[in-house]
């Protein structure tokens, strides 16, 4: 069982390096894959799989002190590299849509 997990992790690392190199190359998936002896569909599949695994698994909520000129509380929601400022009276459904669009919500 351990050999299988190690082989799986090694395969993921190999494809992660290939996807990174492809993205940096400026080539189409077809050009990149053909010149290296594998299928473009496999490259696309791994790119998609790795993108899903890179999404944040949780949200970090950072309380923010009220602005000096305002009495309204503010909350900053961070999802990956994005920051969303949320003020009192916000639309909860809209915030949920934004978080999902940023990849931080359950699907």
Foldseek 3Di string as FASTA:
>chain_A
DVVVVVVVVVVLVVLVVLLVCVVVVPDQLCVSCVVVPHDSVVNVVSVVVVVLVPWDAAKDKDWDDDDPVDPWGWIWIDTPNDIDIDTPPDDPVVVQVVCVVSPHDDD
